[in-house]
PDB file of N, CA and C in Angstrom:
ATOM      1  N   UNK A   1     -35.209 105.702  19.039  1.00  0.00           N
ATOM      2  CA  UNK A   1     -35.628 105.066  20.211  1.00  0.00           C
ATOM      3  C   UNK A   1     -34.667 103.852  20.722  1.00  0.00           C
ATOM      4  N   UNK A   2     -34.358 103.776  22.132  1.00  0.00           N
ATOM      5  CA  UNK A   2     -33.327 102.568  22.297  1.00  0.00           C
ATOM      6  C   UNK A   2     -34.159 101.265  22.646  1.00  0.00           C
ATOM      7  N   UNK A   3     -34.280 100.261  21.747  1.00  0.00           N
ATOM      8  CA  UNK A   3     -35.232  99.426  21.619  1.00  0.00           C
ATOM      9  C   UNK A   3     -34.912  98.517  22.880  1.00  0.00           C
ATOM     10  N   UNK A   4     -33.394  98.257  22.980  1.00  0.00           N
ATOM     11  CA  UNK A   4     -32.929  97.052  23.991  1.00  0.00           C
ATOM     12  C   UNK A   4     -33.298  98.015  25.377  1.00  0.00           C
ATOM     13  N   UNK A   5     -32.867  99.175  25.620  1.00  0.00           N
ATOM     14  CA  UNK A   5     -32.959  99.843  26.819  1.00  0.00           C
ATOM     15  C   UNK A   5     -34.573  99.452  27.356  1.00  0.00           C
ATOM     16  N   UNK A   6     -35.690  99.625  26.286  1.00  0.00           N
ATOM     17  CA  UNK A   6     -36.751  99.008  26.565  1.00  0.00           C
ATOM     18  C   UNK A   6     -37.075  97.717  27.310  1.00  0.00           C
ATOM     19  N   UNK A   7     -36.253  96.925  26.479  1.00  0.00           N
ATOM     20  CA  UNK A   7     -36.577  95.397  27.014  1.00  0.00           C
ATOM     21  C   UNK A   7     -35.578  95.363  28.074  1.00  0.00           C
ATOM     22  N   UNK A   8     -34.335  96.058  28.281  1.00  0.00           N
ATOM     23  CA  UNK A   8     -34.084  95.813  29.685  1.00  0.00           C
ATOM     24  C   UNK A   8     -34.724  95.923  30.843  1.00  0.00           C
ATOM     25  N   UNK A   9     -35.007  97.384  30.559  1.00  0.00           N
ATOM     26  CA  UNK A   9     -36.387  97.714  31.887  1.00  0.00           C
ATOM     27  C   UNK A   9     -37.209  96.906  32.296  1.00  0.00           C
ATOM     28  N   UNK A  10     -37.783  96.130  31.252  1.00  0.00           N
ATOM     29  CA  UNK A  10     -38.693  95.218  31.708  1.00  0.00           C
ATOM     30  C   UNK A  10     -38.389  93.852  31.766  1.00  0.00           C
ATOM     31  N   UNK A  11     -37.205  93.536  31.536  1.00  0.00           N
ATOM     32  CA  UNK A  11     -36.598  92.752  32.078  1.00  0.00           C
ATOM     33  C   UNK A  11     -36.145  92.648  33.738  1.00  0.00           C
ATOM     34  N   UNK A  12     -35.742  94.144  33.825  1.00  0.00           N
ATOM     35  CA  UNK A  12     -35.319  94.382  35.585  1.00  0.00           C
ATOM     36  C   UNK A  12     -36.768  94.274  35.907  1.00  0.00           C
ATOM     37  N   UNK A  13     -37.780  94.804  35.818  1.00  0.00           N
ATOM     38  CA  UNK A  13     -38.804  94.787  36.162  1.00  0.00           C
ATOM     39  C   UNK A  13     -39.546  93.470  36.605  1.00  0.00           C
ATOM     40  N   UNK A  14     -39.429  92.522  35.722  1.00  0.00           N
ATOM     41  CA  UNK A  14     -40.134  91.265  36.022  1.00  0.00           C
ATOM     42  C   UNK A  14     -39.088  91.084  37.033  1.00  0.00           C
ATOM     43  N   UNK A  15     -37.783  90.743  37.205  1.00  0.00           N
ATOM     44  CA  UNK A  15     -37.371  90.183  38.154  1.00  0.00           C
ATOM     45  C   UNK A  15     -37.273  90.544  39.069  1.00  0.00           C
ATOM     46  N   UNK A  16     -37.524  92.273  39.809  1.00  0.00           N
ATOM     47  CA  UNK A  16     -38.311  92.696  41.045  1.00  0.00           C
ATOM     48  C   UNK A  16     -39.469  92.010  41.202  1.00  0.00           C
ATOM     49  N   UNK A  17     -40.213  92.280  40.111  1.00  0.00           N
ATOM     50  CA  UNK A  17     -41.790  91.893  40.707  1.00  0.00           C
ATOM     51  C   UNK A  17     -41.896  90.195  40.996  1.00  0.00           C
ATOM     52  N   UNK A  18     -40.660  89.354  40.355  1.00  0.00           N
ATOM     53  CA  UNK A  18     -40.610  88.096  40.913  1.00  0.00           C
ATOM     54  C   UNK A  18     -40.530  88.081  42.516  1.00  0.00           C
ATOM     55  N   UNK A  19     -39.380  88.811  42.693  1.00  0.00           N
ATOM     56  CA  UNK A  19     -38.971  88.764  43.974  1.00  0.00           C
ATOM     57  C   UNK A  19     -40.200  89.319  45.300  1.00  0.00           C
ATOM     58  N   UNK A  20     -40.803  89.997  44.535  1.00  0.00           N
ATOM     59  CA  UNK A  20     -42.063  90.569  45.081  1.00  0.00           C
ATOM     60  C   UNK A  20     -43.116  90.030  45.428  1.00  0.00           C
ATOM     61  N   UNK A  21     -43.680  89.076  44.357  1.00  0.00           N
ATOM     62  CA  UNK A  21     -44.356  87.956  44.635  1.00  0.00           C
ATOM     63  C   UNK A  21     -44.055  86.699  45.793  1.00  0.00           C
ATOM     64  N   UNK A  22     -42.549  86.528  45.901  1.00  0.00           N
ATOM     65  CA  UNK A  22     -42.353  85.585  46.265  1.00  0.00           C
ATOM     66  C   UNK A  22     -42.877  85.648  47.814  1.00  0.00           C
ATOM     67  N   UNK A  23     -42.842  86.864  48.257  1.00  0.00           N
ATOM     68  CA  UNK A  23     -42.845  87.489  49.716  1.00  0.00           C
ATOM     69  C   UNK A  23     -44.477  87.960  50.064  1.00  0.00           C
ATOM     70  N   UNK A  24     -45.384  87.379  49.462  1.00  0.00           N
ATOM     71  CA  UNK A  24     -46.821  87.350  49.464  1.00  0.00           C
ATOM     72  C   UNK A  24     -47.502  86.471  50.170  1.00  0.00           C
ATOM     73  N   UNK A  25     -48.466  86.205  50.778  1.00  0.00           N
ATOM     74  CA  UNK A  25     -49.181  85.270  51.218  1.00  0.00           C
ATOM     75  C   UNK A  25     -49.616  84.192  50.355  1.00  0.00           C
ATOM     76  N   UNK A  26     -49.406  82.802  50.673  1.00  0.00           N
ATOM     77  CA  UNK A  26     -49.618  81.953  49.365  1.00  0.00           C
ATOM     78  C   UNK A  26     -51.057  82.250  48.713  1.00  0.00           C
ATOM     79  N   UNK A  27     -51.936  82.609  49.597  1.00  0.00           N
ATOM     80  CA  UNK A  27     -53.624  82.724  49.043  1.00  0.00           C
ATOM     81  C   UNK A  27     -53.783  83.904  47.897  1.00  0.00           C
ATOM     82  N   UNK A  28     -52.960  84.887  47.973  1.00  0.00           N
ATOM     83  CA  UNK A  28     -52.830  85.828  47.061  1.00  0.00           C
ATOM     84  C   UNK A  28     -51.364  85.519  45.917  1.00  0.00           C
ATOM     85  N   UNK A  29     -50.878  84.650  46.305  1.00  0.00           N
ATOM     86  CA  UNK A  29     -49.736  84.496  45.294  1.00  0.00           C
ATOM     87  C   UNK A  29     -50.163  83.484  44.141  1.00  0.00           C
ATOM     88  N   UNK A  30     -51.074  82.313  44.528  1.00  0.00           N
ATOM     89  CA  UNK A  30     -51.843  81.882  43.424  1.00  0.00           C
ATOM     90  C   UNK A  30     -52.982  82.492  42.648  1.00  0.00           C
ATOM     91  N   UNK A  31     -53.488  83.809  43.207  1.00  0.00           N
ATOM     92  CA  UNK A  31     -54.668  84.308  42.160  1.00  0.00           C
ATOM     93  C   UNK A  31     -53.838  85.689  41.871  1.00  0.00           C
ATOM     94  N   UNK A  32     -54.042  86.576  42.545  1.00  0.00           N
ATOM     95  CA  UNK A  32     -53.358  87.758  41.836  1.00  0.00           C
ATOM     96  C   UNK A  32     -52.081  88.033  41.419  1.00  0.00           C
ATOM     97  N   UNK A  33     -50.912  87.204  42.536  1.00  0.00           N
ATOM     98  CA  UNK A  33     -49.774  87.150  42.152  1.00  0.00           C
ATOM     99  C   UNK A  33     -49.361  86.389  40.656  1.00  0.00           C
ATOM    100  N   UNK A  34     -50.223  85.450  40.429  1.00  0.00           N
ATOM    101  CA  UNK A  34     -50.031  84.578  39.148  1.00  0.00           C
ATOM    102  C   UNK A  34     -50.503  85.501  38.294  1.00  0.00           C
ATOM    103  N   UNK A  35     -51.703  86.191  38.028  1.00  0.00           N
ATOM    104  CA  UNK A  35     -51.876  86.990  37.220  1.00  0.00           C
ATOM    105  C   UNK A  35     -50.928  88.361  36.711  1.00  0.00           C
ATOM    106  N   UNK A  36     -50.613  88.882  37.868  1.00  0.00           N
ATOM    107  CA  UNK A  36     -49.571  89.986  37.578  1.00  0.00           C
ATOM    108  C   UNK A  36     -48.204  89.176  36.903  1.00  0.00           C
ATOM    109  N   UNK A  37     -47.718  88.394  37.284  1.00  0.00           N
ATOM    110  CA  UNK A  37     -46.954  87.352  36.751  1.00  0.00           C
ATOM    111  C   UNK A  37     -46.619  87.118  35.166  1.00  0.00           C
ATOM    112  N   UNK A  38     -47.860  86.507  35.096  1.00  0.00           N
ATOM    113  CA  UNK A  38     -48.262  86.449  33.455  1.00  0.00           C
ATOM    114  C   UNK A  38     -48.497  87.450  32.720  1.00  0.00           C
ATOM    115  N   UNK A  39     -49.152  88.569  33.395  1.00  0.00           N
ATOM    116  CA  UNK A  39     -49.012  89.808  32.563  1.00  0.00           C
ATOM    117  C   UNK A  39     -47.847  90.718  32.406  1.00  0.00           C
ATOM    118  N   UNK A  40     -46.562  90.316  33.159  1.00  0.00           N
ATOM    119  CA  UNK A  40     -45.270  90.847  32.747  1.00  0.00           C
ATOM    120  C   UNK A  40     -44.555  89.880  32.292  1.00  0.00           C
ATOM    121  N   UNK A  41     -44.764  88.766  32.335  1.00  0.00           N
ATOM    122  CA  UNK A  41     -44.175  87.804  31.006  1.00  0.00           C
ATOM    123  C   UNK A  41     -44.590  88.356  29.925  1.00  0.00           C
ATOM    124  N   UNK A  42     -46.240  88.840  29.513  1.00  0.00           N
ATOM    125  CA  UNK A  42     -46.392  88.819  28.247  1.00  0.00           C
ATOM    126  C   UNK A  42     -45.866  89.613  28.249  1.00  0.00           C
ATOM    127  N   UNK A  43     -45.443  91.060  29.162  1.00  0.00           N
ATOM    128  CA  UNK A  43     -45.289  92.017  28.430  1.00  0.00           C
ATOM    129  C   UNK A  43     -43.555  91.899  27.577  1.00  0.00           C
ATOM    130  N   UNK A  44     -43.458  91.276  28.366  1.00  0.00           N
ATOM    131  CA  UNK A  44     -41.626  90.652  28.129  1.00  0.00           C
ATOM    132  C   UNK A  44     -41.775  90.284  26.732  1.00  0.00           C
ATOM    133  N   UNK A  45     -42.190  89.288  26.600  1.00  0.00           N
ATOM    134  CA  UNK A  45     -42.440  88.531  25.096  1.00  0.00           C
ATOM    135  C   UNK A  45     -42.853  89.776  24.356  1.00  0.00           C
ATOM    136  N   UNK A  46     -43.720  90.435  24.491  1.00  0.00           N
ATOM    137  CA  UNK A  46     -44.102  91.698  23.248  1.00  0.00           C
ATOM    138  C   UNK A  46     -43.039  92.349  22.919  1.00  0.00           C
ATOM    139  N   UNK A  47     -42.558  93.138  24.169  1.00  0.00           N
ATOM    140  CA  UNK A  47     -41.293  93.776  23.620  1.00  0.00           C
ATOM    141  C   UNK A  47     -40.233  92.908  23.315  1.00  0.00           C
ATOM    142  N   UNK A  48     -39.701  92.172  23.270  1.00  0.00           N
ATOM    143  CA  UNK A  48     -38.837  91.236  22.557  1.00  0.00           C
ATOM    144  C   UNK A  48     -39.377  91.081  21.474  1.00  0.00           C
ATOM    145  N   UNK A  49     -40.556  90.757  21.227  1.00  0.00           N
ATOM    146  CA  UNK A  49     -41.158  90.400  19.414  1.00  0.00           C
ATOM    147  C   UNK A  49     -40.915  91.804  18.689  1.00  0.00           C
ATOM    148  N   UNK A  50     -41.224  92.889  19.514  1.00  0.00           N
ATOM    149  CA  UNK A  50     -41.189  94.056  18.912  1.00  0.00           C
ATOM    150  C   UNK A  50     -39.656  94.601  18.314  1.00  0.00           C
ATOM    151  N   UNK A  51     -38.819  94.029  19.201  1.00  0.00           N
ATOM    152  CA  UNK A  51     -37.264  94.413  18.758  1.00  0.00           C
ATOM    153  C   UNK A  51     -36.901  93.943  17.045  1.00  0.00           C
ATOM    154  N   UNK A  52     -37.770  92.686  16.786  1.00  0.00           N
ATOM    155  CA  UNK A  52     -37.744  91.938  15.738  1.00  0.00           C
ATOM    156  C   UNK A  52     -38.748  92.114  14.574  1.00  0.00           C
ATOM    157  N   UNK A  53     -39.760  93.004  14.745  1.00  0.00           N
ATOM    158  CA  UNK A  53     -40.937  93.044  14.081  1.00  0.00           C
ATOM    159  C   UNK A  53     -40.562  93.820  12.874  1.00  0.00           C
ATOM    160  N   UNK A  54     -41.030  93.328  11.924  1.00  0.00           N
ATOM    161  CA  UNK A  54     -41.387  94.772  10.476  1.00  0.00           C
ATOM    162  C   UNK A  54     -41.734  95.773  11.409  1.00  0.00           C
ATOM    163  N   UNK A  55     -42.056  96.817  10.687  1.00  0.00           N
ATOM    164  CA  UNK A  55     -42.516  98.299  10.980  1.00  0.00           C
ATOM    165  C   UNK A  55     -44.026  98.013  10.989  1.00  0.00           C
ATOM    166  N   UNK A  56     -44.432  97.319  10.281  1.00  0.00           N
ATOM    167  CA  UNK A  56     -46.000  97.022  10.220  1.00  0.00           C
ATOM    168  C   UNK A  56     -46.073  96.711  11.113  1.00  0.00           C
ATOM    169  N   UNK A  57     -45.646  95.546  11.826  1.00  0.00           N
ATOM    170  CA  UNK A  57     -46.423  94.712  12.814  1.00  0.00           C
ATOM    171  C   UNK A  57     -45.862  95.448  14.111  1.00  0.00           C
ATOM    172  N   UNK A  58     -44.553  96.021  14.065  1.00  0.00           N
ATOM    173  CA  UNK A  58     -44.254  96.937  15.152  1.00  0.00           C
ATOM    174  C   UNK A  58     -45.498  97.598  15.741  1.00  0.00           C
ATOM    175  N   UNK A  59     -46.071  98.446  15.049  1.00  0.00           N
ATOM    176  CA  UNK A  59     -46.875  99.592  15.748  1.00  0.00           C
ATOM    177  C   UNK A  59     -47.848  99.060  16.549  1.00  0.00           C
ATOM    178  N   UNK A  60     -48.716  97.163  16.209  1.00  0.00           N
ATOM    179  CA  UNK A  60     -49.504  96.790  16.712  1.00  0.00           C
ATOM    180  C   UNK A  60     -49.210  96.222  18.070  1.00  0.00           C
ATOM    181  N   UNK A  61     -47.576  95.648  17.943  1.00  0.00           N
ATOM    182  CA  UNK A  61     -47.280  94.973  18.860  1.00  0.00           C
ATOM    183  C   UNK A  61     -46.527  96.217  19.998  1.00  0.00           C
ATOM    184  N   UNK A  62     -46.613  97.405  19.904  1.00  0.00           N
ATOM    185  CA  UNK A  62     -46.434  98.213  20.973  1.00  0.00           C
ATOM    186  C   UNK A  62     -47.501  99.141  21.351  1.00  0.00           C
ATOM    187  N   UNK A  63     -48.675  98.858  21.046  1.00  0.00           N
ATOM    188  CA  UNK A  63     -49.874  99.042  21.202  1.00  0.00           C
ATOM    189  C   UNK A  63     -50.608  98.152  22.335  1.00  0.00           C
ATOM    190  N   UNK A  64     -49.992  96.446  21.719  1.00  0.00           N
ATOM    191  CA  UNK A  64     -50.296  95.796  22.874  1.00  0.00           C
ATOM    192  C   UNK A  64     -49.731  95.652  24.356  1.00  0.00           C
ATOM    193  N   UNK A  65     -48.339  96.369  24.075  1.00  0.00           N
ATOM    194  CA  UNK A  65     -47.355  96.518  25.014  1.00  0.00           C
ATOM    195  C   UNK A  65     -48.128  97.525  25.880  1.00  0.00           C
ATOM    196  N   UNK A  66     -48.590  98.677  25.703  1.00  0.00           N
ATOM    197  CA  UNK A  66     -49.049  99.809  26.012  1.00  0.00           C
ATOM    198  C   UNK A  66     -50.113  98.995  26.788  1.00  0.00           C
ATOM    199  N   UNK A  67     -50.955  98.319  26.417  1.00  0.00           N
ATOM    200  CA  UNK A  67     -52.076  98.059  26.756  1.00  0.00           C
ATOM    201  C   UNK A  67     -52.261  97.117  28.402  1.00  0.00           C
ATOM    202  N   UNK A  68     -51.041  96.152  27.676  1.00  0.00           N
ATOM    203  CA  UNK A  68     -50.666  95.555  29.242  1.00  0.00           C
ATOM    204  C   UNK A  68     -49.944  96.381  30.474  1.00  0.00           C
ATOM    205  N   UNK A  69     -49.162  97.382  29.830  1.00  0.00           N
ATOM    206  CA  UNK A  69     -48.911  97.801  30.827  1.00  0.00           C
ATOM    207  C   UNK A  69     -49.960  98.995  31.734  1.00  0.00           C
ATOM    208  N   UNK A  70     -50.951  99.187  31.220  1.00  0.00           N
ATOM    209  CA  UNK A  70     -51.857  99.787  31.752  1.00  0.00           C
ATOM    210  C   UNK A  70     -53.080  99.152  32.915  1.00  0.00           C
ATOM    211  N   UNK A  71     -53.028  97.602  32.510  1.00  0.00           N
ATOM    212  CA  UNK A  71     -53.500  96.633  33.449  1.00  0.00           C
ATOM    213  C   UNK A  71     -52.839  96.012  34.458  1.00  0.00           C
ATOM    214  N   UNK A  72     -51.539  96.278  33.694  1.00  0.00           N
ATOM    215  CA  UNK A  72     -50.567  95.663  35.422  1.00  0.00           C
ATOM    216  C   UNK A  72     -50.245  96.887  36.075  1.00  0.00           C
ATOM    217  N   UNK A  73     -50.452  98.053  35.782  1.00  0.00           N
ATOM    218  CA  UNK A  73     -50.421  99.308  36.536  1.00  0.00           C
ATOM    219  C   UNK A  73     -51.625  99.254  37.618  1.00  0.00           C
ATOM    220  N   UNK A  74     -52.942  98.988  36.967  1.00  0.00           N
ATOM    221  CA  UNK A  74     -54.204  98.635  37.416  1.00  0.00           C
ATOM    222  C   UNK A  74     -54.093  97.728  38.612  1.00  0.00           C
ATOM    223  N   UNK A  75     -53.543  96.559  38.486  1.00  0.00           N
ATOM    224  CA  UNK A  75     -53.333  95.275  39.242  1.00  0.00           C
ATOM    225  C   UNK A  75     -52.406  95.490  40.765  1.00  0.00           C
ATOM    226  N   UNK A  76     -51.253  96.528  39.991  1.00  0.00           N
ATOM    227  CA  UNK A  76     -50.198  96.827  41.165  1.00  0.00           C
ATOM    228  C   UNK A  76     -51.121  97.398  42.444  1.00  0.00           C
ATOM    229  N   UNK A  77     -51.685  98.595  41.589  1.00  0.00           N
ATOM    230  CA  UNK A  77     -52.507  99.403  42.535  1.00  0.00           C
ATOM    231  C   UNK A  77     -53.501  98.651  43.698  1.00  0.00           C
ATOM    232  N   UNK A  78     -54.029  97.725  42.690  1.00  0.00           N
ATOM    233  CA  UNK A  78     -55.371  96.716  43.449  1.00  0.00           C
ATOM    234  C   UNK A  78     -54.770  96.085  44.672  1.00  0.00           C
ATOM    235  N   UNK A  79     -53.352  95.592  44.329  1.00  0.00           N
ATOM    236  CA  UNK A  79     -52.733  94.566  45.096  1.00  0.00           C
ATOM    237  C   UNK A  79     -52.289  95.802  46.491  1.00  0.00           C
ATOM    238  N   UNK A  80     -51.725  97.015  46.377  1.00  0.00           N
ATOM    239  CA  UNK A  80     -51.518  97.643  47.250  1.00  0.00           C
ATOM    240  C   UNK A  80     -52.916  98.121  48.338  1.00  0.00           C
ATOM    241  N   UNK A  81     -53.789  98.405  47.613  1.00  0.00           N
ATOM    242  CA  UNK A  81     -55.160  98.567  47.930  1.00  0.00           C
ATOM    243  C   UNK A  81     -55.807  97.176  48.712  1.00  0.00           C
ATOM    244  N   UNK A  82     -55.853  95.866  48.380  1.00  0.00           N
ATOM    245  CA  UNK A  82     -56.185  95.103  49.151  1.00  0.00           C
ATOM    246  C   UNK A  82     -54.906  94.394  50.107  1.00  0.00           C
ATOM    247  N   UNK A  83     -53.607  95.255  50.288  1.00  0.00           N
ATOM    248  CA  UNK A  83     -52.947  95.058  51.283  1.00  0.00           C
ATOM    249  C   UNK A  83     -52.158  93.729  50.837  1.00  0.00           C
ATOM    250  N   UNK A  84     -52.103  93.682  49.874  1.00  0.00           N
ATOM    251  CA  UNK A  84     -51.358  92.219  49.668  1.00  0.00           C
ATOM    252  C   UNK A  84     -49.739  92.512  49.335  1.00  0.00           C
ATOM    253  N   UNK A  85     -49.718  93.947  49.127  1.00  0.00           N
ATOM    254  CA  UNK A  85     -47.904  94.380  48.956  1.00  0.00           C
ATOM    255  C   UNK A  85     -47.897  95.606  49.488  1.00  0.00           C
ATOM    256  N   UNK A  86     -46.584  96.017  49.829  1.00  0.00           N
ATOM    257  CA  UNK A  86     -46.973  97.187  51.273  1.00  0.00           C
ATOM    258  C   UNK A  86     -46.748  98.210  50.071  1.00  0.00           C
ATOM    259  N   UNK A  87     -47.055  99.493  50.495  1.00  0.00           N
ATOM    260  CA  UNK A  87     -46.941 100.550  49.828  1.00  0.00           C
ATOM    261  C   UNK A  87     -45.368 101.164  49.198  1.00  0.00           C
ATOM    262  N   UNK A  88     -44.293 100.915  49.944  1.00  0.00           N
ATOM    263  CA  UNK A  88     -42.831 101.012  49.457  1.00  0.00           C
ATOM    264  C   UNK A  88     -43.160  99.805  48.261  1.00  0.00           C
ATOM    265  N   UNK A  89     -43.401  98.765  48.119  1.00  0.00           N
ATOM    266  CA  UNK A  89     -43.057  97.817  46.834  1.00  0.00           C
ATOM    267  C   UNK A  89     -44.097  98.559  45.879  1.00  0.00           C
ATOM    268  N   UNK A  90     -45.434  98.746  46.272  1.00  0.00           N
ATOM    269  CA  UNK A  90     -46.028  99.020  45.174  1.00  0.00           C
ATOM    270  C   UNK A  90     -45.593 100.557  44.658  1.00  0.00           C
ATOM    271  N   UNK A  91     -45.050 101.258  45.165  1.00  0.00           N
ATOM    272  CA  UNK A  91     -44.765 102.577  44.463  1.00  0.00           C
ATOM    273  C   UNK A  91     -43.168 102.460  43.635  1.00  0.00           C
ATOM    274  N   UNK A  92     -42.248 101.710  44.320  1.00  0.00           N
ATOM    275  CA  UNK A  92     -41.242 101.028  43.430  1.00  0.00           C
ATOM    276  C   UNK A  92     -41.863 100.864  41.834  1.00  0.00           C
ATOM    277  N   UNK A  93     -42.631  99.162  41.750  1.00  0.00           N
ATOM    278  CA  UNK A  93     -43.103  98.995  41.110  1.00  0.00           C
ATOM    279  C   UNK A  93     -44.047  99.644  40.259  1.00  0.00           C
ATOM    280  N   UNK A  94     -44.813 100.695  40.190  1.00  0.00           N
ATOM    281  CA  UNK A  94     -45.360 101.604  39.679  1.00  0.00           C
ATOM    282  C   UNK A  94     -44.488 102.663  38.990  1.00  0.00           C
ATOM    283  N   UNK A  95     -43.353 102.653  39.630  1.00  0.00           N
ATOM    284  CA  UNK A  95     -42.486 103.977  39.100  1.00  0.00           C
ATOM    285  C   UNK A  95     -41.797 102.802  38.061  1.00  0.00           C
ATOM    286  N   UNK A  96     -41.501 101.783  38.287  1.00  0.00           N
ATOM    287  CA  UNK A  96     -41.022 100.849  36.993  1.00  0.00           C
ATOM    288  C   UNK A  96     -41.423 101.087  35.734  1.00  0.00           C
ATOM    289  N   UNK A  97     -43.018 100.893  35.951  1.00  0.00           N
ATOM    290  CA  UNK A  97     -43.982 100.623  35.100  1.00  0.00           C
ATOM    291  C   UNK A  97     -44.231 101.985  34.490  1.00  0.00           C
ATOM    292  N   UNK A  98     -44.597 102.983  35.040  1.00  0.00           N
ATOM    293  CA  UNK A  98     -44.314 104.425  34.393  1.00  0.00           C
ATOM    294  C   UNK A  98     -43.168 104.850  33.599  1.00  0.00           C
ATOM    295  N   UNK A  99     -41.725 104.218  34.023  1.00  0.00           N
ATOM    296  CA  UNK A  99     -40.677 104.239  33.192  1.00  0.00           C
ATOM    297  C   UNK A  99     -40.878 103.672  31.895  1.00  0.00           C
ATOM    298  N   UNK A 100     -41.280 102.253  31.612  1.00  0.00           N
ATOM    299  CA  UNK A 100     -41.261 101.354  30.913  1.00  0.00           C
ATOM    300  C   UNK A 100     -42.665 101.891  29.660  1.00  0.00           C
ATOM    301  N   UNK A 101     -43.647 102.627  30.549  1.00  0.00           N
ATOM    302  CA  UNK A 101     -44.298 103.240  29.913  1.00  0.00           C
ATOM    303  C   UNK A 101     -43.671 104.091  28.689  1.00  0.00           C
ATOM    304  N   UNK A 102     -43.099 105.228  29.421  1.00  0.00           N
ATOM    305  CA  UNK A 102     -42.737 106.452  28.496  1.00  0.00           C
ATOM    306  C   UNK A 102     -41.576 105.760  27.725  1.00  0.00           C
ATOM    307  N   UNK A 103     -40.583 104.673  27.741  1.00  0.00           N
ATOM    308  CA  UNK A 103     -40.166 104.041  26.949  1.00  0.00           C
ATOM    309  C   UNK A 103     -41.177 103.753  25.638  1.00  0.00           C
ATOM    310  N   UNK A 104     -42.052 103.043  25.736  1.00  0.00           N
ATOM    311  CA  UNK A 104     -43.116 102.194  25.230  1.00  0.00           C
ATOM    312  C   UNK A 104     -43.639 103.427  24.389  1.00  0.00           C
ATOM    313  N   UNK A 105     -44.170 104.755  24.807  1.00  0.00           N
ATOM    314  CA  UNK A 105     -44.459 105.519  24.310  1.00  0.00           C
ATOM    315  C   UNK A 105     -43.644 106.466  23.096  1.00  0.00           C
ATOM    316  N   UNK A 106     -42.850 106.349  23.533  1.00  0.00           N
ATOM    317  CA  UNK A 106     -41.885 107.306  22.582  1.00  0.00           C
ATOM    318  C   UNK A 106     -41.325 106.310  21.639  1.00  0.00           C
ATOM    319  N   UNK A 107     -41.261 105.030  21.424  1.00  0.00           N
ATOM    320  CA  UNK A 107     -41.088 104.238  20.342  1.00  0.00           C
ATOM    321  C   UNK A 107     -42.095 104.084  19.723  1.00  0.00           C
ATOM    322  N   UNK A 108     -43.356 104.297  20.284  1.00  0.00           N
ATOM    323  CA  UNK A 108     -44.671 103.919  19.405  1.00  0.00           C
ATOM    324  C   UNK A 108     -44.817 105.152  18.662  1.00  0.00           C
ATOM    325  N   UNK A 109     -44.315 106.255  19.384  1.00  0.00           N
ATOM    326  CA  UNK A 109     -44.111 107.899  18.245  1.00  0.00           C
ATOM    327  C   UNK A 109     -43.711 108.019  16.700  1.00  0.00           C
ATOM    328  N   UNK A 110     -42.569 107.346  17.146  1.00  0.00           N
ATOM    329  CA  UNK A 110     -41.700 107.117  16.011  1.00  0.00           C
ATOM    330  C   UNK A 110     -41.625 105.818  14.827  1.00  0.00           C
ATOM    331  N   UNK A 111     -42.535 104.948  15.739  1.00  0.00           N
ATOM    332  CA  UNK A 111     -42.959 103.814  15.021  1.00  0.00           C
ATOM    333  C   UNK A 111     -43.923 103.629  14.064  1.00  0.00           C
TER     334      UNK A 111
END
């Protein structure tokens, strides 16, 4: 599994999410938006650490990344349902998260 591809996709996801969060109302930006950003940065940090982890620690980090992905998907869906972000941006972010999830899942299978 190409670990640098997983990191790159996560990095690109964060950049897109950051742009999306700048366009939402201030009230939502400092509650829902801040939570999403924190989780996305946690995901990026976890993926980066996984690249350099020993085989023993790698599985735990990948499981943590998978958990963060699941919660982040839920938050993005909630943002759409609460009309914080529009359908187009919601679908784009969810698609990106699904792709990252597939990469993490594949990496987890071989770890």
